[in-house]
């Protein structure tokens, strides 16, 4: 997923001769833009490389605004992040994958050189890339050697140094959890979560460090889906609390938190705050309809599940990733499972309501009592024990509810099939159950032997009791209906 290019150059105003043994610049050039001829020289160099590569437009990749590495700190951030003349206030068009003509791309480079508070990679995969780093370091990569552009860069008074790669190349190959896409399965799961009251809020990260919050309703999901920013990161949350006092009482003594609140008009907003702003939050919360506090630490943020929007053709081309939840990890396992697949797992729990739970590599699957054995059983513990390793067949994988159902008996021979040749044979066995229309008789001499039905018409008014041993004839074996029919032997 890395945009590896054969020709990469670091373009700067810093003379390589003015570096110490560690490679640090020790010259007199300031690490900020002059907002003048030197800045323009950088843009002309980028334009020369783009022309030499035959590039007329570039894709915005991983756009960010706001704090963190986006604002390097040597120049003050400006309102609008330096994007005012390029995009609307809501930043429509400034999203991952958006194509912009080279002149717009150059203005984005200008905003990044000025450290105005916006950042992105500008790339055409496999052909061209422009990255802006700290202290006015510019990295240009091309699929072509661009000898003329190199000469033009040097004539502009800049220095171009050949590198193996840009330090700002995106490299996500070491991620161990596959990114979940916001595909049809995701939306079906979200709809189910909303219908069952488990989910109420969707957080849309449309650029790095900026979120929009949406209240979820069953009727509004389809319309909301059309309004989301392409390739945005989505996080599903439970509902906010209407007990504002209780929320405020959970504020820590110190440290950073994210405060999320919904006003009376239904507008949901969030802000990052530390203890110096907690009094401010109390004022905001006084007019809030609902609110919550989220930790900034990943292991303490309890989102339900996450995803990234794929492109219109269903392909997930966004390279950024959400922070995976337990549900996301389950999804990555579930998608590898198939009906009919044989798996091995360990029995983790046996429920009195007739279900055995089995750990199959991080997913808890279940076996209902009818799937534990072909033979009659009263409780799952008649067949399996906690801690026992079993092999079973997957009956179904429900991606929406994240459930897997298994069958033990699917891997066993059906004893009814072997009973067909015994039709007409006489056997003796105990009465095991008395019903309105007849009695069940165990026809195999084992505790969980097969049982057949002797109808009341065969008893001719005689009363049978549990445990009575009757001699009967097997008259029919119906494997489809799981039924063995008996008559009295005469």
Foldseek 3Di string as FASTA:
>chain_A
DWQFAAWKKKKFLADQVQADPVSHGDDDDFLADPVDLRLVLVLVLQVLQCVLLVHFKWFWAQKAFDDDQLQVPPAEADPPLQCPVPAPSVRVQNFGGRIDTSVSVSSQVSSSRRSNGMATWIHDRNAWTWHAHGSRIIMIGGNDNSPVSQVSSVVSSMDIDTDSDDPPIDDDPPDPADFAACDPLVLLLVLVCQVVQNWFKKWWARHHPDIAIDGDDNVCPVVVVVVHHAFIKIFTAHDFAQPLVVQLVPADCWDKKKKWFAAPVRGIDIDIDINVCSVVVVVVSVRTRGIHIAHPDLVRGAIDAIHTYDPPVPHNPRPDHDSGDLLSRLLRVLVVDDAFDKFKFFFADFDAVAKTWTDGPSATAIEGNVQQALFDDDGNVVRDDGGDMDMWGWHDQNSSVRYTYTGPHVPPDNVLVVCQVQQFPKAKFWFAAQDPFFTWTFRDPDPRGHIATEGPVQVVPDDHDGGDIFIWGFHDRDVVVSHTYIHGDD
